Amino acid sequence: MSGPAAIYENPEPPLFFVKNQQLWQPTNMTYVLRLNVLNVTGVDEVGYTHPAPLKLELGERAEGVDGLFRWRGTKLHFDLGKRTNNGLYFSCQSKNGTKGVYTSLDE
């Protein structure tokens, strides 16, 4: 199902894989969702100078910032130009109680 990436207890966590420097989640034998990184803060992504939080959402098509996912050891990094999240992700609870997944970028 498309929508915000969420954090919850699950004895069988979902699988993800990196292909062509993008992160994907298979939902069944024939369907996969792309993990998109969205700038939901209003900070201009062209002149991106602030490490504002970026929201992770699953979707059927590409949207959001055009960054790259890669493995570095056991950490999943997200890079946007010369900036990286150093493999750090965090959760933030929304007004409706769901915990979304976010990241921010450093130089």
Protein backbone atom coordinates (compact mmCIF):
# COMPACT_ATOMS: atom_id res chain seq x y z
CA MET A 1 0.00 0.00 0.00
CA SER A 2 1.30 3.46 -0.89
CA GLY A 3 1.71 6.07 1.83
CA PRO A 4 4.01 7.28 4.58
CA ALA A 5 6.68 4.90 5.81
CA ALA A 6 5.71 3.93 9.36
CA ILE A 7 7.39 2.38 12.36
CA TYR A 8 5.59 -0.31 14.32
CA GLU A 9 6.37 -3.59 16.06
CA ASN A 10 6.29 -6.49 13.63
CA PRO A 11 7.66 -10.00 14.24
CA GLU A 12 8.21 -10.28 10.47
CA PRO A 13 9.53 -6.91 9.29
CA PRO A 14 9.17 -6.07 5.60
CA LEU A 15 12.01 -6.67 3.15
CA PHE A 16 13.69 -3.89 1.19
CA PHE A 17 16.30 -3.98 -1.56
CA VAL A 18 18.47 -1.45 -3.39
CA LYS A 19 18.42 -1.55 -7.20
CA ASN A 20 19.80 1.19 -9.45
CA GLN A 21 20.56 3.21 -6.30
CA GLN A 22 16.86 3.33 -5.34
CA LEU A 23 15.19 1.58 -2.40
CA TRP A 24 12.29 -0.76 -3.10
CA GLN A 25 9.86 -2.82 -0.98
CA PRO A 26 8.27 -5.93 -2.49
CA THR A 27 4.67 -6.31 -1.34
CA ASN A 28 3.99 -9.66 -3.03
CA MET A 29 5.42 -11.80 -5.85
CA THR A 30 4.51 -9.30 -8.60
CA TYR A 31 4.32 -5.84 -7.00
CA VAL A 32 6.97 -3.52 -5.54
CA LEU A 33 6.80 -0.02 -4.08
CA ARG A 34 9.49 2.63 -4.35
CA LEU A 35 10.67 4.42 -1.22
CA ASN A 36 10.55 8.15 -1.98
CA VAL A 37 12.26 10.88 0.04
CA LEU A 38 10.08 13.99 0.24
CA ASN A 39 10.93 17.54 1.22
CA VAL A 40 7.86 18.38 3.32
CA THR A 41 9.35 21.47 4.99
CA GLY A 42 9.11 24.08 2.27
CA VAL A 43 12.91 24.47 2.11
CA ASP A 44 13.90 24.98 -1.54
CA GLU A 45 15.64 21.79 -2.70
CA VAL A 46 17.63 23.60 -5.44
CA GLY A 47 19.49 25.75 -2.91
CA TYR A 48 19.28 23.13 -0.18
CA THR A 49 21.44 24.44 2.66
CA HIS A 50 19.43 23.46 5.74
CA PRO A 51 19.40 19.90 7.13
CA ALA A 52 15.59 20.03 7.36
CA PRO A 53 13.91 16.67 7.91
CA LEU A 54 13.01 14.72 4.81
CA LYS A 55 10.04 12.34 5.00
CA LEU A 56 10.16 8.78 3.64
CA GLU A 57 7.06 7.51 1.84
CA LEU A 58 6.25 4.43 -0.19
CA GLY A 59 4.73 5.04 -3.60
CA GLU A 60 3.99 3.50 -6.96
CA ARG A 61 6.06 6.07 -8.88
CA ALA A 62 9.07 8.29 -8.33
CA GLU A 63 8.52 11.61 -6.55
CA GLY A 64 10.35 13.85 -4.12
CA VAL A 65 14.06 14.65 -4.10
CA ASP A 66 16.29 12.83 -6.59
CA GLY A 67 18.83 11.22 -4.27
CA LEU A 68 20.56 7.85 -4.16
CA PHE A 69 20.48 4.97 -1.68
CA ARG A 70 23.59 2.87 -1.03
CA TRP A 71 24.90 0.43 1.54
CA ARG A 72 28.00 1.30 3.56
CA GLY A 73 28.69 -1.68 5.77
CA THR A 74 25.45 -2.35 7.65
CA LYS A 75 24.12 1.22 7.26
CA LEU A 76 21.75 2.31 4.52
CA HIS A 77 22.85 5.76 3.36
CA PHE A 78 20.81 8.30 1.42
CA ASP A 79 22.84 10.83 -0.59
CA LEU A 80 21.70 14.02 -2.30
CA GLY A 81 24.59 15.55 -4.22
CA LYS A 82 27.48 16.02 -1.76
CA ARG A 83 25.16 15.68 1.24
CA THR A 84 24.42 12.41 3.09
CA ASN A 85 22.31 11.22 5.99
CA ASN A 86 25.21 9.04 7.23
CA GLY A 87 22.76 6.14 7.53
CA LEU A 88 20.67 7.84 10.23
CA TYR A 89 16.88 7.73 10.27
CA PHE A 90 14.43 8.78 12.98
CA SER A 91 10.75 8.56 13.76
CA CYS A 92 8.37 11.37 14.56
CA GLN A 93 4.81 10.92 15.72
CA SER A 94 2.14 12.72 13.69
CA LYS A 95 -1.01 14.36 15.05
CA ASN A 96 -3.01 11.21 14.26
CA GLY A 97 -0.59 9.02 16.25
CA THR A 98 1.30 7.25 13.47
CA LYS A 99 5.08 7.32 13.57
CA GLY A 100 6.59 8.48 10.29
CA VAL A 101 10.17 7.87 9.18
CA TYR A 102 12.42 10.88 8.51
CA THR A 103 16.05 11.63 7.77
CA SER A 104 18.18 14.76 7.41
CA LEU A 105 21.32 15.55 5.46
CA ASP A 106 24.80 16.69 6.52
CA GLU A 107 27.72 17.70 4.34
